[in-house]
Amino acid sequence: MSKVGYEQDVTSIVMSDQDNVATLLKDVEEEETLLYVINGQKAVLTAKQLIPFGHKIAIKPIEKLATVIKYGEVIGAATIDIEPGEHVHVHNIEGIRGRGDKAEGEKQR
C-alpha cells in the first residue's frame, strides 16, 4: 500500500487517479484557489461558486450522462455538463445504483 504524505495547504482530497471530483475539506468561496494531490502531484483549481465543506468539486470536465467518480467508485451520473471548478451535488448528478428504471433493456413505461 502506498503512503500518501500530508500536505499542509491541501484544501480538498482526491483518493484515486480515476476520480473526476475532489472532496472539500473546508467551505470554499467563489474564485478561491484550491490545492489537491493526485498521482503524487500537486494540482490547483479555482472554485466557480461557493461550495460547502464535505461537498464535491469537479477536477476534470464531466459530460452530461458521464459517470461521476469519487474514491475510485462510480457515485452517479451527470445530468448536465460540469466544468472543472463547479460544485458537484444533487443539482447536477443523480444516483444510478439500484435504479431499475435505468437498467439497460428495461421496457419504457
PDB file of N, CA and C in Angstrom:
ATOM      1  N   MET A   1       0.850  -1.177   0.000  1.00  0.00           N
ATOM      2  CA  MET A   1       0.000   0.000   0.000  1.00  0.00           C
ATOM      3  C   MET A   1       0.889   1.230   0.000  1.00  0.00           C
ATOM      4  N   SER A   2       0.588   2.185  -0.873  1.00  0.00           N
ATOM      5  CA  SER A   2       1.423   3.373  -0.939  1.00  0.00           C
ATOM      6  C   SER A   2       1.070   4.336   0.185  1.00  0.00           C
ATOM      7  N   LYS A   3       2.045   5.102   0.609  1.00  0.00           N
ATOM      8  CA  LYS A   3       1.858   6.063   1.675  1.00  0.00           C
ATOM      9  C   LYS A   3       1.673   7.436   1.055  1.00  0.00           C
ATOM     10  N   VAL A   4       0.633   8.141   1.479  1.00  0.00           N
ATOM     11  CA  VAL A   4       0.382   9.484   0.983  1.00  0.00           C
ATOM     12  C   VAL A   4       0.835  10.459   2.053  1.00  0.00           C
ATOM     13  N   GLY A   5       1.717  11.382   1.672  1.00  0.00           N
ATOM     14  CA  GLY A   5       2.207  12.362   2.627  1.00  0.00           C
ATOM     15  C   GLY A   5       1.195  13.468   2.855  1.00  0.00           C
ATOM     16  N   TYR A   6       1.238  14.061   4.042  1.00  0.00           N
ATOM     17  CA  TYR A   6       0.344  15.150   4.386  1.00  0.00           C
ATOM     18  C   TYR A   6       0.856  16.440   3.774  1.00  0.00           C
ATOM     19  N   GLU A   7      -0.008  17.175   3.135  1.00  0.00           N
ATOM     20  CA  GLU A   7       0.317  18.471   2.549  1.00  0.00           C
ATOM     21  C   GLU A   7      -0.453  19.527   3.337  1.00  0.00           C
ATOM     22  N   GLN A   8       0.252  20.438   3.946  1.00  0.00           N
ATOM     23  CA  GLN A   8      -0.361  21.418   4.835  1.00  0.00           C
ATOM     24  C   GLN A   8      -1.410  22.285   4.144  1.00  0.00           C
ATOM     25  N   ASP A   9      -1.217  22.657   2.902  1.00  0.00           N
ATOM     26  CA  ASP A   9      -2.126  23.575   2.222  1.00  0.00           C
ATOM     27  C   ASP A   9      -3.222  22.888   1.421  1.00  0.00           C
ATOM     28  N   VAL A  10      -3.324  21.574   1.502  1.00  0.00           N
ATOM     29  CA  VAL A  10      -4.344  20.851   0.753  1.00  0.00           C
ATOM     30  C   VAL A  10      -5.721  21.245   1.275  1.00  0.00           C
ATOM     31  N   THR A  11      -6.616  21.623   0.362  1.00  0.00           N
ATOM     32  CA  THR A  11      -7.966  22.059   0.733  1.00  0.00           C
ATOM     33  C   THR A  11      -9.041  21.100   0.257  1.00  0.00           C
ATOM     34  N   SER A  12      -8.635  20.066  -0.484  1.00  0.00           N
ATOM     35  CA  SER A  12      -9.577  19.053  -0.957  1.00  0.00           C
ATOM     36  C   SER A  12      -8.807  17.762  -1.186  1.00  0.00           C
ATOM     37  N   ILE A  13      -9.530  16.641  -1.135  1.00  0.00           N
ATOM     38  CA  ILE A  13      -8.850  15.358  -1.284  1.00  0.00           C
ATOM     39  C   ILE A  13      -9.355  14.594  -2.502  1.00  0.00           C
ATOM     40  N   VAL A  14      -8.418  13.899  -3.120  1.00  0.00           N
ATOM     41  CA  VAL A  14      -8.688  13.007  -4.244  1.00  0.00           C
ATOM     42  C   VAL A  14      -8.024  11.687  -3.867  1.00  0.00           C
ATOM     43  N   MET A  15      -8.797  10.611  -3.847  1.00  0.00           N
ATOM     44  CA  MET A  15      -8.266   9.334  -3.381  1.00  0.00           C
ATOM     45  C   MET A  15      -7.808   8.403  -4.495  1.00  0.00           C
ATOM     46  N   SER A  16      -8.236   8.646  -5.717  1.00  0.00           N
ATOM     47  CA  SER A  16      -7.895   7.758  -6.824  1.00  0.00           C
ATOM     48  C   SER A  16      -7.585   8.586  -8.065  1.00  0.00           C
ATOM     49  N   ASP A  17      -6.653   8.111  -8.871  1.00  0.00           N
ATOM     50  CA  ASP A  17      -6.345   8.825 -10.110  1.00  0.00           C
ATOM     51  C   ASP A  17      -7.490   8.719 -11.116  1.00  0.00           C
ATOM     52  N   GLN A  18      -8.486   7.890 -10.834  1.00  0.00           N
ATOM     53  CA  GLN A  18      -9.670   7.777 -11.688  1.00  0.00           C
ATOM     54  C   GLN A  18     -10.718   8.841 -11.357  1.00  0.00           C
ATOM     55  N   ASP A  19     -10.607   9.452 -10.177  1.00  0.00           N
ATOM     56  CA  ASP A  19     -11.614  10.413  -9.716  1.00  0.00           C
ATOM     57  C   ASP A  19     -11.719  11.605 -10.654  1.00  0.00           C
ATOM     58  N   ASN A  20     -12.947  12.088 -10.829  1.00  0.00           N
ATOM     59  CA  ASN A  20     -13.142  13.334 -11.573  1.00  0.00           C
ATOM     60  C   ASN A  20     -13.722  14.416 -10.666  1.00  0.00           C
ATOM     61  N   VAL A  21     -13.775  14.118  -9.368  1.00  0.00           N
ATOM     62  CA  VAL A  21     -14.166  15.097  -8.360  1.00  0.00           C
ATOM     63  C   VAL A  21     -13.209  15.007  -7.177  1.00  0.00           C
ATOM     64  N   ALA A  22     -13.135  16.119  -6.438  1.00  0.00           N
ATOM     65  CA  ALA A  22     -12.405  16.154  -5.174  1.00  0.00           C
ATOM     66  C   ALA A  22     -13.413  16.485  -4.084  1.00  0.00           C
ATOM     67  N   THR A  23     -13.135  16.057  -2.861  1.00  0.00           N
ATOM     68  CA  THR A  23     -13.990  16.355  -1.720  1.00  0.00           C
ATOM     69  C   THR A  23     -13.357  17.489  -0.928  1.00  0.00           C
ATOM     70  N   LEU A  24     -14.155  18.517  -0.635  1.00  0.00           N
ATOM     71  CA  LEU A  24     -13.637  19.704   0.040  1.00  0.00           C
ATOM     72  C   LEU A  24     -13.441  19.472   1.531  1.00  0.00           C
ATOM     73  N   LEU A  25     -12.330  19.973   2.045  1.00  0.00           N
ATOM     74  CA  LEU A  25     -12.003  19.852   3.464  1.00  0.00           C
ATOM     75  C   LEU A  25     -12.353  21.118   4.230  1.00  0.00           C
ATOM     76  N   LYS A  26     -13.015  22.065   3.558  1.00  0.00           N
ATOM     77  CA  LYS A  26     -13.429  23.316   4.181  1.00  0.00           C
ATOM     78  C   LYS A  26     -14.474  23.973   3.294  1.00  0.00           C
ATOM     79  N   ASP A  27     -15.173  24.966   3.823  1.00  0.00           N
ATOM     80  CA  ASP A  27     -16.049  25.782   2.981  1.00  0.00           C
ATOM     81  C   ASP A  27     -15.164  26.542   2.003  1.00  0.00           C
ATOM     82  N   VAL A  28     -15.627  26.690   0.770  1.00  0.00           N
ATOM     83  CA  VAL A  28     -14.840  27.356  -0.260  1.00  0.00           C
ATOM     84  C   VAL A  28     -15.657  28.511  -0.843  1.00  0.00           C
ATOM     85  N   GLU A  29     -15.004  29.644  -1.003  1.00  0.00           N
ATOM     86  CA  GLU A  29     -15.639  30.827  -1.585  1.00  0.00           C
ATOM     87  C   GLU A  29     -15.501  30.802  -3.108  1.00  0.00           C
ATOM     88  N   GLU A  30     -16.387  31.513  -3.793  1.00  0.00           N
ATOM     89  CA  GLU A  30     -16.271  31.675  -5.238  1.00  0.00           C
ATOM     90  C   GLU A  30     -14.923  32.306  -5.564  1.00  0.00           C
ATOM     91  N   GLU A  31     -14.260  31.801  -6.586  1.00  0.00           N
ATOM     92  CA  GLU A  31     -12.943  32.271  -7.057  1.00  0.00           C
ATOM     93  C   GLU A  31     -11.780  31.900  -6.131  1.00  0.00           C
ATOM     94  N   GLU A  32     -12.038  31.092  -5.102  1.00  0.00           N
ATOM     95  CA  GLU A  32     -10.966  30.647  -4.210  1.00  0.00           C
ATOM     96  C   GLU A  32     -10.151  29.562  -4.908  1.00  0.00           C
ATOM     97  N   THR A  33      -8.841  29.602  -4.732  1.00  0.00           N
ATOM     98  CA  THR A  33      -7.948  28.604  -5.315  1.00  0.00           C
ATOM     99  C   THR A  33      -7.793  27.443  -4.344  1.00  0.00           C
ATOM    100  N   LEU A  34      -7.955  26.238  -4.866  1.00  0.00           N
ATOM    101  CA  LEU A  34      -7.853  25.022  -4.067  1.00  0.00           C
ATOM    102  C   LEU A  34      -6.614  24.243  -4.453  1.00  0.00           C
ATOM    103  N   LEU A  35      -6.095  23.487  -3.504  1.00  0.00           N
ATOM    104  CA  LEU A  35      -4.958  22.615  -3.762  1.00  0.00           C
ATOM    105  C   LEU A  35      -5.356  21.190  -3.426  1.00  0.00           C
ATOM    106  N   TYR A  36      -5.017  20.267  -4.339  1.00  0.00           N
ATOM    107  CA  TYR A  36      -5.215  18.843  -4.069  1.00  0.00           C
ATOM    108  C   TYR A  36      -4.022  18.090  -4.645  1.00  0.00           C
ATOM    109  N   VAL A  37      -3.891  16.839  -4.272  1.00  0.00           N
ATOM    110  CA  VAL A  37      -2.794  15.998  -4.755  1.00  0.00           C
ATOM    111  C   VAL A  37      -3.408  14.809  -5.481  1.00  0.00           C
ATOM    112  N   ILE A  38      -2.919  14.564  -6.706  1.00  0.00           N
ATOM    113  CA  ILE A  38      -3.365  13.412  -7.489  1.00  0.00           C
ATOM    114  C   ILE A  38      -2.134  12.792  -8.132  1.00  0.00           C
ATOM    115  N   ASN A  39      -2.006  11.494  -8.005  1.00  0.00           N
ATOM    116  CA  ASN A  39      -0.825  10.775  -8.511  1.00  0.00           C
ATOM    117  C   ASN A  39       0.470  11.356  -7.954  1.00  0.00           C
ATOM    118  N   GLY A  40       0.430  11.808  -6.713  1.00  0.00           N
ATOM    119  CA  GLY A  40       1.621  12.350  -6.081  1.00  0.00           C
ATOM    120  C   GLY A  40       1.992  13.751  -6.549  1.00  0.00           C
ATOM    121  N   GLN A  41       1.187  14.337  -7.400  1.00  0.00           N
ATOM    122  CA  GLN A  41       1.462  15.673  -7.936  1.00  0.00           C
ATOM    123  C   GLN A  41       0.454  16.673  -7.381  1.00  0.00           C
ATOM    124  N   LYS A  42       0.948  17.844  -6.984  1.00  0.00           N
ATOM    125  CA  LYS A  42       0.058  18.906  -6.537  1.00  0.00           C
ATOM    126  C   LYS A  42      -0.649  19.503  -7.743  1.00  0.00           C
ATOM    127  N   ALA A  43      -1.915  19.841  -7.548  1.00  0.00           N
ATOM    128  CA  ALA A  43      -2.705  20.479  -8.599  1.00  0.00           C
ATOM    129  C   ALA A  43      -3.545  21.581  -7.957  1.00  0.00           C
ATOM    130  N   VAL A  44      -3.814  22.621  -8.723  1.00  0.00           N
ATOM    131  CA  VAL A  44      -4.644  23.714  -8.232  1.00  0.00           C
ATOM    132  C   VAL A  44      -5.873  23.872  -9.117  1.00  0.00           C
ATOM    133  N   LEU A  45      -6.899  24.449  -8.541  1.00  0.00           N
ATOM    134  CA  LEU A  45      -8.182  24.603  -9.208  1.00  0.00           C
ATOM    135  C   LEU A  45      -8.877  25.805  -8.584  1.00  0.00           C
ATOM    136  N   THR A  46      -9.626  26.545  -9.372  1.00  0.00           N
ATOM    137  CA  THR A  46     -10.374  27.688  -8.863  1.00  0.00           C
ATOM    138  C   THR A  46     -11.856  27.341  -8.796  1.00  0.00           C
ATOM    139  N   ALA A  47     -12.452  27.553  -7.628  1.00  0.00           N
ATOM    140  CA  ALA A  47     -13.879  27.279  -7.445  1.00  0.00           C
ATOM    141  C   ALA A  47     -14.703  28.310  -8.214  1.00  0.00           C
ATOM    142  N   LYS A  48     -15.727  27.840  -8.894  1.00  0.00           N
ATOM    143  CA  LYS A  48     -16.576  28.734  -9.688  1.00  0.00           C
ATOM    144  C   LYS A  48     -17.760  29.268  -8.888  1.00  0.00           C
ATOM    145  N   GLN A  49     -17.995  28.723  -7.697  1.00  0.00           N
ATOM    146  CA  GLN A  49     -19.047  29.215  -6.817  1.00  0.00           C
ATOM    147  C   GLN A  49     -18.744  28.797  -5.390  1.00  0.00           C
ATOM    148  N   LEU A  50     -19.517  29.321  -4.460  1.00  0.00           N
ATOM    149  CA  LEU A  50     -19.411  28.929  -3.063  1.00  0.00           C
ATOM    150  C   LEU A  50     -19.775  27.451  -2.958  1.00  0.00           C
ATOM    151  N   ILE A  51     -18.938  26.675  -2.267  1.00  0.00           N
ATOM    152  CA  ILE A  51     -19.196  25.240  -2.107  1.00  0.00           C
ATOM    153  C   ILE A  51     -18.933  24.879  -0.647  1.00  0.00           C
ATOM    154  N   PRO A  52     -19.881  24.221   0.018  1.00  0.00           N
ATOM    155  CA  PRO A  52     -19.713  23.879   1.437  1.00  0.00           C
ATOM    156  C   PRO A  52     -18.711  22.752   1.680  1.00  0.00           C
ATOM    157  N   PHE A  53     -18.174  22.752   2.891  1.00  0.00           N
ATOM    158  CA  PHE A  53     -17.304  21.687   3.392  1.00  0.00           C
ATOM    159  C   PHE A  53     -17.951  20.330   3.137  1.00  0.00           C
ATOM    160  N   GLY A  54     -17.152  19.355   2.706  1.00  0.00           N
ATOM    161  CA  GLY A  54     -17.631  17.991   2.512  1.00  0.00           C
ATOM    162  C   GLY A  54     -18.279  17.730   1.166  1.00  0.00           C
ATOM    163  N   HIS A  55     -18.582  18.795   0.432  1.00  0.00           N
ATOM    164  CA  HIS A  55     -19.183  18.619  -0.891  1.00  0.00           C
ATOM    165  C   HIS A  55     -18.087  18.367  -1.927  1.00  0.00           C
ATOM    166  N   LYS A  56     -18.499  18.087  -3.152  1.00  0.00           N
ATOM    167  CA  LYS A  56     -17.567  17.739  -4.224  1.00  0.00           C
ATOM    168  C   LYS A  56     -17.395  18.897  -5.199  1.00  0.00           C
ATOM    169  N   ILE A  57     -16.214  18.945  -5.802  1.00  0.00           N
ATOM    170  CA  ILE A  57     -15.899  19.902  -6.849  1.00  0.00           C
ATOM    171  C   ILE A  57     -15.314  19.120  -8.019  1.00  0.00           C
ATOM    172  N   ALA A  58     -15.728  19.474  -9.229  1.00  0.00           N
ATOM    173  CA  ALA A  58     -15.190  18.789 -10.416  1.00  0.00           C
ATOM    174  C   ALA A  58     -13.732  19.186 -10.619  1.00  0.00           C
ATOM    175  N   ILE A  59     -12.894  18.187 -10.862  1.00  0.00           N
ATOM    176  CA  ILE A  59     -11.484  18.467 -11.159  1.00  0.00           C
ATOM    177  C   ILE A  59     -11.155  18.196 -12.621  1.00  0.00           C
ATOM    178  N   LYS A  60     -12.107  17.600 -13.319  1.00  0.00           N
ATOM    179  CA  LYS A  60     -11.998  17.311 -14.749  1.00  0.00           C
ATOM    180  C   LYS A  60     -13.349  17.625 -15.374  1.00  0.00           C
ATOM    181  N   PRO A  61     -13.392  17.889 -16.675  1.00  0.00           N
ATOM    182  CA  PRO A  61     -14.704  18.066 -17.308  1.00  0.00           C
ATOM    183  C   PRO A  61     -15.505  16.764 -17.211  1.00  0.00           C
ATOM    184  N   ILE A  62     -16.805  16.905 -16.914  1.00  0.00           N
ATOM    185  CA  ILE A  62     -17.695  15.751 -16.823  1.00  0.00           C
ATOM    186  C   ILE A  62     -18.861  16.036 -17.765  1.00  0.00           C
ATOM    187  N   GLU A  63     -18.967  15.271 -18.823  1.00  0.00           N
ATOM    188  CA  GLU A  63     -20.036  15.482 -19.794  1.00  0.00           C
ATOM    189  C   GLU A  63     -21.357  14.932 -19.281  1.00  0.00           C
ATOM    190  N   LYS A  64     -22.450  15.503 -19.773  1.00  0.00           N
ATOM    191  CA  LYS A  64     -23.783  15.026 -19.429  1.00  0.00           C
ATOM    192  C   LYS A  64     -23.858  13.515 -19.678  1.00  0.00           C
ATOM    193  N   LEU A  65     -24.405  12.795 -18.740  1.00  0.00           N
ATOM    194  CA  LEU A  65     -24.581  11.332 -18.729  1.00  0.00           C
ATOM    195  C   LEU A  65     -23.307  10.560 -18.390  1.00  0.00           C
ATOM    196  N   ALA A  66     -22.160  11.237 -18.284  1.00  0.00           N
ATOM    197  CA  ALA A  66     -20.918  10.555 -17.893  1.00  0.00           C
ATOM    198  C   ALA A  66     -20.971  10.231 -16.402  1.00  0.00           C
ATOM    199  N   THR A  67     -20.225   9.219 -15.997  1.00  0.00           N
ATOM    200  CA  THR A  67     -20.204   8.837 -14.593  1.00  0.00           C
ATOM    201  C   THR A  67     -19.365   9.817 -13.784  1.00  0.00           C
ATOM    202  N   VAL A  68     -19.806  10.019 -12.543  1.00  0.00           N
ATOM    203  CA  VAL A  68     -19.069  10.817 -11.571  1.00  0.00           C
ATOM    204  C   VAL A  68     -18.334   9.819 -10.690  1.00  0.00           C
ATOM    205  N   ILE A  69     -17.021  10.003 -10.557  1.00  0.00           N
ATOM    206  CA  ILE A  69     -16.197   9.038  -9.835  1.00  0.00           C
ATOM    207  C   ILE A  69     -15.543   9.714  -8.636  1.00  0.00           C
ATOM    208  N   LYS A  70     -15.782   9.136  -7.460  1.00  0.00           N
ATOM    209  CA  LYS A  70     -15.225   9.628  -6.194  1.00  0.00           C
ATOM    210  C   LYS A  70     -14.640   8.431  -5.464  1.00  0.00           C
ATOM    211  N   TYR A  71     -13.420   8.569  -4.954  1.00  0.00           N
ATOM    212  CA  TYR A  71     -12.730   7.482  -4.250  1.00  0.00           C
ATOM    213  C   TYR A  71     -12.589   6.244  -5.128  1.00  0.00           C
ATOM    214  N   GLY A  72     -12.520   6.451  -6.461  1.00  0.00           N
ATOM    215  CA  GLY A  72     -12.355   5.342  -7.393  1.00  0.00           C
ATOM    216  C   GLY A  72     -13.633   4.587  -7.688  1.00  0.00           C
ATOM    217  N   GLU A  73     -14.768   5.071  -7.178  1.00  0.00           N
ATOM    218  CA  GLU A  73     -16.053   4.395  -7.353  1.00  0.00           C
ATOM    219  C   GLU A  73     -17.047   5.311  -8.060  1.00  0.00           C
ATOM    220  N   VAL A  74     -17.895   4.731  -8.885  1.00  0.00           N
ATOM    221  CA  VAL A  74     -18.959   5.494  -9.540  1.00  0.00           C
ATOM    222  C   VAL A  74     -20.004   5.835  -8.482  1.00  0.00           C
ATOM    223  N   ILE A  75     -20.328   7.136  -8.373  1.00  0.00           N
ATOM    224  CA  ILE A  75     -21.328   7.563  -7.390  1.00  0.00           C
ATOM    225  C   ILE A  75     -22.582   8.124  -8.046  1.00  0.00           C
ATOM    226  N   GLY A  76     -22.559   8.252  -9.361  1.00  0.00           N
ATOM    227  CA  GLY A  76     -23.728   8.781 -10.055  1.00  0.00           C
ATOM    228  C   GLY A  76     -23.389   9.144 -11.481  1.00  0.00           C
ATOM    229  N   ALA A  77     -24.333   9.840 -12.123  1.00  0.00           N
ATOM    230  CA  ALA A  77     -24.145  10.287 -13.500  1.00  0.00           C
ATOM    231  C   ALA A  77     -24.512  11.765 -13.580  1.00  0.00           C
ATOM    232  N   ALA A  78     -23.776  12.490 -14.394  1.00  0.00           N
ATOM    233  CA  ALA A  78     -24.031  13.916 -14.567  1.00  0.00           C
ATOM    234  C   ALA A  78     -25.333  14.126 -15.332  1.00  0.00           C
ATOM    235  N   THR A  79     -26.149  15.058 -14.866  1.00  0.00           N
ATOM    236  CA  THR A  79     -27.395  15.383 -15.555  1.00  0.00           C
ATOM    237  C   THR A  79     -27.196  16.546 -16.527  1.00  0.00           C
ATOM    238  N   ILE A  80     -26.047  17.229 -16.409  1.00  0.00           N
ATOM    239  CA  ILE A  80     -25.650  18.323 -17.302  1.00  0.00           C
ATOM    240  C   ILE A  80     -24.137  18.269 -17.458  1.00  0.00           C
ATOM    241  N   ASP A  81     -23.590  19.016 -18.399  1.00  0.00           N
ATOM    242  CA  ASP A  81     -22.138  19.145 -18.486  1.00  0.00           C
ATOM    243  C   ASP A  81     -21.645  19.887 -17.250  1.00  0.00           C
ATOM    244  N   ILE A  82     -20.545  19.409 -16.671  1.00  0.00           N
ATOM    245  CA  ILE A  82     -19.970  20.018 -15.475  1.00  0.00           C
ATOM    246  C   ILE A  82     -18.512  20.367 -15.772  1.00  0.00           C
ATOM    247  N   GLU A  83     -18.150  21.597 -15.561  1.00  0.00           N
ATOM    248  CA  GLU A  83     -16.786  22.066 -15.823  1.00  0.00           C
ATOM    249  C   GLU A  83     -15.930  21.982 -14.566  1.00  0.00           C
ATOM    250  N   PRO A  84     -14.597  21.849 -14.722  1.00  0.00           N
ATOM    251  CA  PRO A  84     -13.712  21.882 -13.557  1.00  0.00           C
ATOM    252  C   PRO A  84     -13.953  23.154 -12.743  1.00  0.00           C
ATOM    253  N   GLY A  85     -14.001  22.977 -11.431  1.00  0.00           N
ATOM    254  CA  GLY A  85     -14.231  24.099 -10.532  1.00  0.00           C
ATOM    255  C   GLY A  85     -15.680  24.265 -10.128  1.00  0.00           C
ATOM    256  N   GLU A  86     -16.586  23.519 -10.764  1.00  0.00           N
ATOM    257  CA  GLU A  86     -18.005  23.626 -10.426  1.00  0.00           C
ATOM    258  C   GLU A  86     -18.387  22.661  -9.306  1.00  0.00           C
ATOM    259  N   HIS A  87     -19.359  23.086  -8.518  1.00  0.00           N
ATOM    260  CA  HIS A  87     -19.933  22.294  -7.446  1.00  0.00           C
ATOM    261  C   HIS A  87     -20.603  21.059  -8.058  1.00  0.00           C
ATOM    262  N   VAL A  88     -20.347  19.895  -7.500  1.00  0.00           N
ATOM    263  CA  VAL A  88     -20.960  18.646  -7.963  1.00  0.00           C
ATOM    264  C   VAL A  88     -21.803  18.120  -6.812  1.00  0.00           C
ATOM    265  N   HIS A  89     -23.129  18.113  -7.024  1.00  0.00           N
ATOM    266  CA  HIS A  89     -24.053  17.713  -5.956  1.00  0.00           C
ATOM    267  C   HIS A  89     -25.377  17.295  -6.594  1.00  0.00           C
ATOM    268  N   VAL A  90     -26.417  17.196  -5.806  1.00  0.00           N
ATOM    269  CA  VAL A  90     -27.695  16.681  -6.295  1.00  0.00           C
ATOM    270  C   VAL A  90     -28.326  17.539  -7.391  1.00  0.00           C
ATOM    271  N   HIS A  91     -27.889  18.769  -7.549  1.00  0.00           N
ATOM    272  CA  HIS A  91     -28.456  19.634  -8.585  1.00  0.00           C
ATOM    273  C   HIS A  91     -27.915  19.311  -9.977  1.00  0.00           C
ATOM    274  N   ASN A  92     -26.807  18.546 -10.058  1.00  0.00           N
ATOM    275  CA  ASN A  92     -26.260  18.236 -11.377  1.00  0.00           C
ATOM    276  C   ASN A  92     -25.800  16.785 -11.532  1.00  0.00           C
ATOM    277  N   ILE A  93     -26.093  15.936 -10.564  1.00  0.00           N
ATOM    278  CA  ILE A  93     -25.858  14.492 -10.718  1.00  0.00           C
ATOM    279  C   ILE A  93     -27.055  13.743 -10.138  1.00  0.00           C
ATOM    280  N   GLU A  94     -27.205  12.495 -10.573  1.00  0.00           N
ATOM    281  CA  GLU A  94     -28.215  11.631  -9.975  1.00  0.00           C
ATOM    282  C   GLU A  94     -27.603  10.261  -9.744  1.00  0.00           C
ATOM    283  N   GLY A  95     -28.056   9.617  -8.684  1.00  0.00           N
ATOM    284  CA  GLY A  95     -27.593   8.274  -8.377  1.00  0.00           C
ATOM    285  C   GLY A  95     -28.050   7.294  -9.439  1.00  0.00           C
ATOM    286  N   ILE A  96     -27.237   6.287  -9.690  1.00  0.00           N
ATOM    287  CA  ILE A  96     -27.617   5.287 -10.690  1.00  0.00           C
ATOM    288  C   ILE A  96     -27.624   3.877 -10.108  1.00  0.00           C
ATOM    289  N   ARG A  97     -27.199   3.730  -8.875  1.00  0.00           N
ATOM    290  CA  ARG A  97     -27.203   2.405  -8.243  1.00  0.00           C
ATOM    291  C   ARG A  97     -28.621   2.005  -7.877  1.00  0.00           C
ATOM    292  N   GLY A  98     -28.978   0.802  -8.207  1.00  0.00           N
ATOM    293  CA  GLY A  98     -30.268   0.272  -7.827  1.00  0.00           C
ATOM    294  C   GLY A  98     -31.447   0.903  -8.556  1.00  0.00           C
ATOM    295  N   ARG A  99     -31.170   1.592  -9.650  1.00  0.00           N
ATOM    296  CA  ARG A  99     -32.236   2.241 -10.402  1.00  0.00           C
ATOM    297  C   ARG A  99     -32.747   1.280 -11.455  1.00  0.00           C
ATOM    298  N   GLY A 100     -33.822   0.571 -11.167  1.00  0.00           N
ATOM    299  CA  GLY A 100     -34.408  -0.350 -12.129  1.00  0.00           C
ATOM    300  C   GLY A 100     -34.843   0.345 -13.404  1.00  0.00           C
ATOM    301  N   ASP A 101     -35.246   1.629 -13.279  1.00  0.00           N
ATOM    302  CA  ASP A 101     -35.669   2.360 -14.461  1.00  0.00           C
ATOM    303  C   ASP A 101     -34.506   2.761 -15.337  1.00  0.00           C
ATOM    304  N   LYS A 102     -33.271   2.601 -14.828  1.00  0.00           N
ATOM    305  CA  LYS A 102     -32.081   2.938 -15.609  1.00  0.00           C
ATOM    306  C   LYS A 102     -31.383   1.692 -16.144  1.00  0.00           C
ATOM    307  N   ALA A 103     -31.930   0.518 -15.856  1.00  0.00           N
ATOM    308  CA  ALA A 103     -31.311  -0.725 -16.289  1.00  0.00           C
ATOM    309  C   ALA A 103     -31.380  -0.843 -17.812  1.00  0.00           C
ATOM    310  N   GLU A 104     -30.289  -1.291 -18.388  1.00  0.00           N
ATOM    311  CA  GLU A 104     -30.229  -1.455 -19.836  1.00  0.00           C
ATOM    312  C   GLU A 104     -31.269  -2.478 -20.279  1.00  0.00           C
ATOM    313  N   GLY A 105     -32.009  -2.146 -21.326  1.00  0.00           N
ATOM    314  CA  GLY A 105     -33.004  -3.059 -21.846  1.00  0.00           C
ATOM    315  C   GLY A 105     -34.335  -2.989 -21.130  1.00  0.00           C
ATOM    316  N   GLU A 106     -34.431  -2.144 -20.089  1.00  0.00           N
ATOM    317  CA  GLU A 106     -35.690  -2.001 -19.361  1.00  0.00           C
ATOM    318  C   GLU A 106     -36.777  -1.470 -20.287  1.00  0.00           C
ATOM    319  N   LYS A 107     -37.973  -2.020 -20.190  1.00  0.00           N
ATOM    320  CA  LYS A 107     -39.086  -1.547 -21.000  1.00  0.00           C
ATOM    321  C   LYS A 107     -39.495  -0.152 -20.558  1.00  0.00           C
ATOM    322  N   GLN A 108     -39.843   0.676 -21.523  1.00  0.00           N
ATOM    323  CA  GLN A 108     -40.339   2.021 -21.210  1.00  0.00           C
ATOM    324  C   GLN A 108     -41.768   1.912 -20.682  1.00  0.00           C
ATOM    325  N   ARG A 109     -42.068   2.686 -19.675  1.00  0.00           N
ATOM    326  CA  ARG A 109     -43.408   2.655 -19.078  1.00  0.00           C
ATOM    327  C   ARG A 109     -44.242   3.772 -19.608  1.00  0.00           C
TER     328      ARG A 109
END
